[in-house]
Amino acid sequence: MSQLTISLNSQVTKRIKLTKPTYIIGRDPQCDIILPERTISSHHARLINTGEDCFLEDTHSTNGVYVNSHPTRKHLLIDKDTINIGKYQLTFHSSVNLLTQLRQLSVHPRITKAPGIPWLEIRAGIKQGNIIPLEREQITLGEKDMGSITIERTSRGKHLLHGTSEDGTSETIQLSEGDSFHVGNVELVFHAAE
């Protein structure tokens, strides 16, 4: 089940499990998620929760909605996306499976291969032939009980792979062109920016 962690001034104020199909976010006391701050519109944004996917939609607010520091009108949320509304920061936590993660993150290589952006090639398994552009500072693939990895972009533009080795110990490696690794039965290959 997905959830939102709401923070104000780096302090967590609330955690909400997303069980309903729609949530209205705003300053109005009738909203499902109330953010009582004057720079927030009465009905600022809407979350649409379909179970597998969760969309965030700006409902014509005055000061806008930002996801991962980018202004947005409508956005498909993935695990660890950060939403900024006024002074509040909302972090989305997803519990979807690997297939859904790959469906949300991957695209056909003809659709996008932006120059200057590193990417993962799905070499084998579900969604084989697609790519995952590494535009975010961090992505997580897999499920905790089935094994998961996190790829993080450092401030110097390098990419680190955090995972668990076969003997169960945590390990971190710096990815280089052509490095290959598995998440479940999916083989991924790292490609540096062109």
C-alpha atoms as a PDB file:
ATOM      1  CA  MET A   1       0.000   0.000   0.000  1.00  0.00           C
ATOM      2  CA  SER A   2       1.328   3.431  -0.953  1.00  0.00           C
ATOM      3  CA  GLN A   3       1.667   6.232   1.557  1.00  0.00           C
ATOM      4  CA  LEU A   4       2.596   9.902   1.895  1.00  0.00           C
ATOM      5  CA  THR A   5       4.952  11.309   4.501  1.00  0.00           C
ATOM      6  CA  ILE A   6       4.238  14.995   5.155  1.00  0.00           C
ATOM      7  CA  SER A   7       7.026  17.209   6.492  1.00  0.00           C
ATOM      8  CA  LEU A   8       7.254  20.849   7.497  1.00  0.00           C
ATOM      9  CA  ASN A   9      10.680  22.405   8.191  1.00  0.00           C
ATOM     10  CA  SER A  10      12.295  18.942   7.896  1.00  0.00           C
ATOM     11  CA  GLN A  11      10.035  17.546  10.645  1.00  0.00           C
ATOM     12  CA  VAL A  12       7.591  14.746   9.806  1.00  0.00           C
ATOM     13  CA  THR A  13       4.104  15.916  10.767  1.00  0.00           C
ATOM     14  CA  LYS A  14       1.979  13.070   9.405  1.00  0.00           C
ATOM     15  CA  ARG A  15       1.988   9.763   7.517  1.00  0.00           C
ATOM     16  CA  ILE A  16      -1.048   8.863   5.422  1.00  0.00           C
ATOM     17  CA  LYS A  17      -1.764   5.424   3.965  1.00  0.00           C
ATOM     18  CA  LEU A  18      -3.381   5.927   0.569  1.00  0.00           C
ATOM     19  CA  THR A  19      -6.455   3.714   0.694  1.00  0.00           C
ATOM     20  CA  LYS A  20      -9.024   5.937  -1.058  1.00  0.00           C
ATOM     21  CA  PRO A  21      -9.251   6.481  -4.843  1.00  0.00           C
ATOM     22  CA  THR A  22      -9.036  10.301  -4.584  1.00  0.00           C
ATOM     23  CA  TYR A  23      -7.517  12.771  -2.141  1.00  0.00           C
ATOM     24  CA  ILE A  24      -7.926  16.559  -2.285  1.00  0.00           C
ATOM     25  CA  ILE A  25      -4.913  18.463  -0.914  1.00  0.00           C
ATOM     26  CA  GLY A  26      -5.293  22.056   0.219  1.00  0.00           C
ATOM     27  CA  ARG A  27      -5.863  24.650   2.913  1.00  0.00           C
ATOM     28  CA  ASP A  28      -9.654  24.138   3.176  1.00  0.00           C
ATOM     29  CA  PRO A  29     -10.708  22.187   6.319  1.00  0.00           C
ATOM     30  CA  GLN A  30     -12.879  19.967   4.076  1.00  0.00           C
ATOM     31  CA  CYS A  31      -9.823  18.650   2.159  1.00  0.00           C
ATOM     32  CA  ASP A  32      -8.676  15.069   2.670  1.00  0.00           C
ATOM     33  CA  ILE A  33      -5.100  16.271   3.274  1.00  0.00           C
ATOM     34  CA  ILE A  34      -5.088  19.662   5.002  1.00  0.00           C
ATOM     35  CA  LEU A  35      -1.994  21.853   4.683  1.00  0.00           C
ATOM     36  CA  PRO A  36      -2.835  24.975   6.728  1.00  0.00           C
ATOM     37  CA  GLU A  37      -0.552  27.578   5.207  1.00  0.00           C
ATOM     38  CA  ARG A  38      -1.584  30.810   3.480  1.00  0.00           C
ATOM     39  CA  THR A  39       0.441  30.215   0.270  1.00  0.00           C
ATOM     40  CA  ILE A  40      -1.553  27.029  -0.369  1.00  0.00           C
ATOM     41  CA  SER A  41      -4.806  27.258  -2.322  1.00  0.00           C
ATOM     42  CA  SER A  42      -8.063  26.042  -0.797  1.00  0.00           C
ATOM     43  CA  HIS A  43      -8.069  23.073  -3.187  1.00  0.00           C
ATOM     44  CA  HIS A  44      -4.447  23.017  -4.337  1.00  0.00           C
ATOM     45  CA  ALA A  45      -3.956  19.514  -5.782  1.00  0.00           C
ATOM     46  CA  ARG A  46      -5.547  16.106  -6.189  1.00  0.00           C
ATOM     47  CA  LEU A  47      -4.107  12.604  -5.777  1.00  0.00           C
ATOM     48  CA  ILE A  48      -5.718   9.923  -7.927  1.00  0.00           C
ATOM     49  CA  ASN A  49      -4.932   6.464  -6.571  1.00  0.00           C
ATOM     50  CA  THR A  50      -5.711   3.489  -8.823  1.00  0.00           C
ATOM     51  CA  GLY A  51      -4.003   0.895  -6.657  1.00  0.00           C
ATOM     52  CA  GLU A  52      -1.027   0.292  -8.953  1.00  0.00           C
ATOM     53  CA  ASP A  53      -0.552   3.898 -10.038  1.00  0.00           C
ATOM     54  CA  CYS A  54      -0.891   7.194  -8.214  1.00  0.00           C
ATOM     55  CA  PHE A  55      -1.171  10.488 -10.111  1.00  0.00           C
ATOM     56  CA  LEU A  56      -0.709  13.970  -8.692  1.00  0.00           C
ATOM     57  CA  GLU A  57      -2.638  16.749 -10.413  1.00  0.00           C
ATOM     58  CA  ASP A  58      -2.417  20.510  -9.830  1.00  0.00           C
ATOM     59  CA  THR A  59      -6.005  21.815  -9.578  1.00  0.00           C
ATOM     60  CA  HIS A  60      -5.191  25.281 -10.956  1.00  0.00           C
ATOM     61  CA  SER A  61      -3.480  26.407  -7.750  1.00  0.00           C
ATOM     62  CA  THR A  62      -2.054  29.901  -7.416  1.00  0.00           C
ATOM     63  CA  ASN A  63       1.509  28.918  -6.463  1.00  0.00           C
ATOM     64  CA  GLY A  64       1.852  25.588  -8.268  1.00  0.00           C
ATOM     65  CA  VAL A  65       2.958  22.064  -7.455  1.00  0.00           C
ATOM     66  CA  TYR A  66       6.548  20.837  -7.723  1.00  0.00           C
ATOM     67  CA  VAL A  67       7.633  17.205  -8.042  1.00  0.00           C
ATOM     68  CA  ASN A  68      11.344  16.555  -7.575  1.00  0.00           C
ATOM     69  CA  SER A  69      11.879  20.352  -7.836  1.00  0.00           C
ATOM     70  CA  HIS A  70      10.130  20.624 -11.242  1.00  0.00           C
ATOM     71  CA  PRO A  71       6.794  22.418 -11.730  1.00  0.00           C
ATOM     72  CA  THR A  72       4.075  20.027 -12.878  1.00  0.00           C
ATOM     73  CA  ARG A  73       0.399  19.953 -13.839  1.00  0.00           C
ATOM     74  CA  LYS A  74       0.004  16.152 -13.789  1.00  0.00           C
ATOM     75  CA  HIS A  75       2.564  13.570 -12.741  1.00  0.00           C
ATOM     76  CA  LEU A  76       2.691   9.787 -12.322  1.00  0.00           C
ATOM     77  CA  LEU A  77       4.288   9.320  -8.913  1.00  0.00           C
ATOM     78  CA  ILE A  78       6.922   6.677  -8.280  1.00  0.00           C
ATOM     79  CA  ASP A  79       8.608   5.591  -5.079  1.00  0.00           C
ATOM     80  CA  LYS A  80      10.475   8.387  -3.258  1.00  0.00           C
ATOM     81  CA  ASP A  81       9.103  11.227  -5.412  1.00  0.00           C
ATOM     82  CA  THR A  82       9.170  14.489  -3.450  1.00  0.00           C
ATOM     83  CA  ILE A  83       6.226  16.876  -3.787  1.00  0.00           C
ATOM     84  CA  ASN A  84       6.547  20.510  -2.692  1.00  0.00           C
ATOM     85  CA  ILE A  85       3.375  22.471  -1.985  1.00  0.00           C
ATOM     86  CA  GLY A  86       3.973  25.770  -0.210  1.00  0.00           C
ATOM     87  CA  LYS A  87       6.303  25.148   2.728  1.00  0.00           C
ATOM     88  CA  TYR A  88       5.280  21.490   2.931  1.00  0.00           C
ATOM     89  CA  GLN A  89       7.209  18.547   1.533  1.00  0.00           C
ATOM     90  CA  LEU A  90       5.321  15.339   0.799  1.00  0.00           C
ATOM     91  CA  THR A  91       7.259  12.174   0.043  1.00  0.00           C
ATOM     92  CA  PHE A  92       5.497   9.411  -1.867  1.00  0.00           C
ATOM     93  CA  HIS A  93       6.283   5.827  -0.850  1.00  0.00           C
ATOM     94  CA  SER A  94       5.100   3.047  -3.119  1.00  0.00           C
ATOM     95  CA  SER A  95       4.867  -0.678  -2.527  1.00  0.00           C
ATOM     96  CA  VAL A  96       4.369  -1.755  -6.135  1.00  0.00           C
ATOM     97  CA  ASN A  97       5.999  -4.810  -7.653  1.00  0.00           C
ATOM     98  CA  LEU A  98       8.923  -4.903 -10.092  1.00  0.00           C
ATOM     99  CA  LEU A  99       6.702  -5.215 -13.190  1.00  0.00           C
ATOM    100  CA  THR A 100       4.810  -2.029 -12.264  1.00  0.00           C
ATOM    101  CA  GLN A 101       8.076  -0.214 -11.472  1.00  0.00           C
ATOM    102  CA  LEU A 102       9.490  -1.136 -14.887  1.00  0.00           C
ATOM    103  CA  ARG A 103       6.261  -0.114 -16.607  1.00  0.00           C
ATOM    104  CA  GLN A 104       6.373   3.281 -14.873  1.00  0.00           C
ATOM    105  CA  LEU A 105      10.081   3.972 -15.461  1.00  0.00           C
ATOM    106  CA  SER A 106      10.914   2.397 -18.809  1.00  0.00           C
ATOM    107  CA  VAL A 107      10.362   3.678 -22.335  1.00  0.00           C
ATOM    108  CA  HIS A 108      11.068   2.364 -25.811  1.00  0.00           C
ATOM    109  CA  PRO A 109      14.516   3.578 -26.934  1.00  0.00           C
ATOM    110  CA  ARG A 110      13.072   5.297 -30.013  1.00  0.00           C
ATOM    111  CA  ILE A 111      10.881   7.502 -27.814  1.00  0.00           C
ATOM    112  CA  THR A 112      13.686   9.010 -25.785  1.00  0.00           C
ATOM    113  CA  LYS A 113      17.402   8.789 -25.556  1.00  0.00           C
ATOM    114  CA  ALA A 114      18.224  12.264 -24.338  1.00  0.00           C
ATOM    115  CA  PRO A 115      21.853  13.245 -24.859  1.00  0.00           C
ATOM    116  CA  GLY A 116      23.748  13.742 -21.644  1.00  0.00           C
ATOM    117  CA  ILE A 117      21.493  11.430 -19.596  1.00  0.00           C
ATOM    118  CA  PRO A 118      22.787   8.003 -18.500  1.00  0.00           C
ATOM    119  CA  TRP A 119      20.364   5.099 -18.873  1.00  0.00           C
ATOM    120  CA  LEU A 120      19.738   1.458 -18.057  1.00  0.00           C
ATOM    121  CA  GLU A 121      19.118  -1.029 -20.849  1.00  0.00           C
ATOM    122  CA  ILE A 122      16.710  -3.854 -19.992  1.00  0.00           C
ATOM    123  CA  ARG A 123      18.660  -6.666 -21.635  1.00  0.00           C
ATOM    124  CA  ALA A 124      16.621  -9.647 -20.444  1.00  0.00           C
ATOM    125  CA  GLY A 125      13.342 -10.296 -18.641  1.00  0.00           C
ATOM    126  CA  ILE A 126      10.122  -8.308 -18.572  1.00  0.00           C
ATOM    127  CA  LYS A 127      10.180  -5.113 -20.680  1.00  0.00           C
ATOM    128  CA  GLN A 128      13.279  -6.421 -22.537  1.00  0.00           C
ATOM    129  CA  GLY A 129      14.529  -3.912 -25.119  1.00  0.00           C
ATOM    130  CA  ASN A 130      13.240  -0.861 -23.218  1.00  0.00           C
ATOM    131  CA  ILE A 131      15.440   1.648 -21.426  1.00  0.00           C
ATOM    132  CA  ILE A 132      15.221   3.522 -18.123  1.00  0.00           C
ATOM    133  CA  PRO A 133      16.601   7.089 -18.371  1.00  0.00           C
ATOM    134  CA  LEU A 134      18.403   7.970 -15.122  1.00  0.00           C
ATOM    135  CA  GLU A 135      16.972  11.492 -14.863  1.00  0.00           C
ATOM    136  CA  ARG A 136      16.154  11.254 -11.154  1.00  0.00           C
ATOM    137  CA  GLU A 137      18.657  11.530  -8.341  1.00  0.00           C
ATOM    138  CA  GLN A 138      17.609   8.109  -7.082  1.00  0.00           C
ATOM    139  CA  ILE A 139      15.530   5.137  -8.222  1.00  0.00           C
ATOM    140  CA  THR A 140      14.739   1.893  -6.456  1.00  0.00           C
ATOM    141  CA  LEU A 141      13.863  -1.326  -8.251  1.00  0.00           C
ATOM    142  CA  GLY A 142      12.573  -4.531  -6.717  1.00  0.00           C
ATOM    143  CA  GLU A 143      10.795  -5.430  -3.547  1.00  0.00           C
ATOM    144  CA  LYS A 144      12.339  -5.554  -0.083  1.00  0.00           C
ATOM    145  CA  ASP A 145      11.482  -9.219   0.551  1.00  0.00           C
ATOM    146  CA  MET A 146      12.486 -10.271  -3.000  1.00  0.00           C
ATOM    147  CA  GLY A 147      15.699  -8.221  -3.210  1.00  0.00           C
ATOM    148  CA  SER A 148      15.964  -4.621  -4.326  1.00  0.00           C
ATOM    149  CA  ILE A 149      18.590  -2.194  -5.561  1.00  0.00           C
ATOM    150  CA  THR A 150      18.870   1.573  -5.442  1.00  0.00           C
ATOM    151  CA  ILE A 151      20.746   3.633  -8.011  1.00  0.00           C
ATOM    152  CA  GLU A 152      21.818   7.036  -6.745  1.00  0.00           C
ATOM    153  CA  ARG A 153      23.395   9.927  -8.662  1.00  0.00           C
ATOM    154  CA  THR A 154      26.142  11.647  -6.669  1.00  0.00           C
ATOM    155  CA  SER A 155      26.808  15.389  -6.659  1.00  0.00           C
ATOM    156  CA  ARG A 156      29.706  14.699  -9.058  1.00  0.00           C
ATOM    157  CA  GLY A 157      27.428  12.987 -11.587  1.00  0.00           C
ATOM    158  CA  LYS A 158      28.571   9.426 -10.830  1.00  0.00           C
ATOM    159  CA  HIS A 159      26.031   6.635 -10.299  1.00  0.00           C
ATOM    160  CA  LEU A 160      26.199   4.311  -7.298  1.00  0.00           C
ATOM    161  CA  LEU A 161      24.426   0.961  -7.088  1.00  0.00           C
ATOM    162  CA  HIS A 162      23.332   0.019  -3.560  1.00  0.00           C
ATOM    163  CA  GLY A 163      22.219  -3.557  -3.104  1.00  0.00           C
ATOM    164  CA  THR A 164      22.691  -6.798  -1.246  1.00  0.00           C
ATOM    165  CA  SER A 165      25.281  -9.372  -2.263  1.00  0.00           C
ATOM    166  CA  GLU A 166      24.551 -13.105  -2.493  1.00  0.00           C
ATOM    167  CA  ASP A 167      25.827 -13.650   1.073  1.00  0.00           C
ATOM    168  CA  GLY A 168      23.333 -11.055   2.393  1.00  0.00           C
ATOM    169  CA  THR A 169      25.703  -8.181   3.080  1.00  0.00           C
ATOM    170  CA  SER A 170      24.990  -4.667   1.843  1.00  0.00           C
ATOM    171  CA  GLU A 171      27.306  -3.380  -0.850  1.00  0.00           C
ATOM    172  CA  THR A 172      27.779  -0.253  -2.935  1.00  0.00           C
ATOM    173  CA  ILE A 173      29.558  -0.076  -6.278  1.00  0.00           C
ATOM    174  CA  GLN A 174      30.195   2.807  -8.652  1.00  0.00           C
ATOM    175  CA  LEU A 175      28.654   1.997 -12.021  1.00  0.00           C
ATOM    176  CA  SER A 176      30.754   2.143 -15.187  1.00  0.00           C
ATOM    177  CA  GLU A 177      29.780   1.833 -18.855  1.00  0.00           C
ATOM    178  CA  GLY A 178      28.546  -1.686 -19.627  1.00  0.00           C
ATOM    179  CA  ASP A 179      28.154  -2.868 -16.009  1.00  0.00           C
ATOM    180  CA  SER A 180      25.416  -5.488 -15.816  1.00  0.00           C
ATOM    181  CA  PHE A 181      23.335  -6.593 -12.824  1.00  0.00           C
ATOM    182  CA  HIS A 182      20.069  -8.384 -12.022  1.00  0.00           C
ATOM    183  CA  VAL A 183      16.921  -7.456 -10.135  1.00  0.00           C
ATOM    184  CA  GLY A 184      14.878 -10.624  -9.850  1.00  0.00           C
ATOM    185  CA  ASN A 185      14.894 -12.173 -13.320  1.00  0.00           C
ATOM    186  CA  VAL A 186      15.537  -8.835 -15.070  1.00  0.00           C
ATOM    187  CA  GLU A 187      19.035  -8.104 -16.403  1.00  0.00           C
ATOM    188  CA  LEU A 188      19.983  -4.418 -16.590  1.00  0.00           C
ATOM    189  CA  VAL A 189      23.027  -2.807 -18.214  1.00  0.00           C
ATOM    190  CA  PHE A 190      24.302   0.670 -17.271  1.00  0.00           C
ATOM    191  CA  HIS A 191      25.179   3.119 -20.056  1.00  0.00           C
ATOM    192  CA  ALA A 192      26.945   6.397 -19.351  1.00  0.00           C
ATOM    193  CA  ALA A 193      25.765   9.659 -20.899  1.00  0.00           C
ATOM    194  CA  GLU A 194      26.493   9.986 -24.616  1.00  0.00           C
END
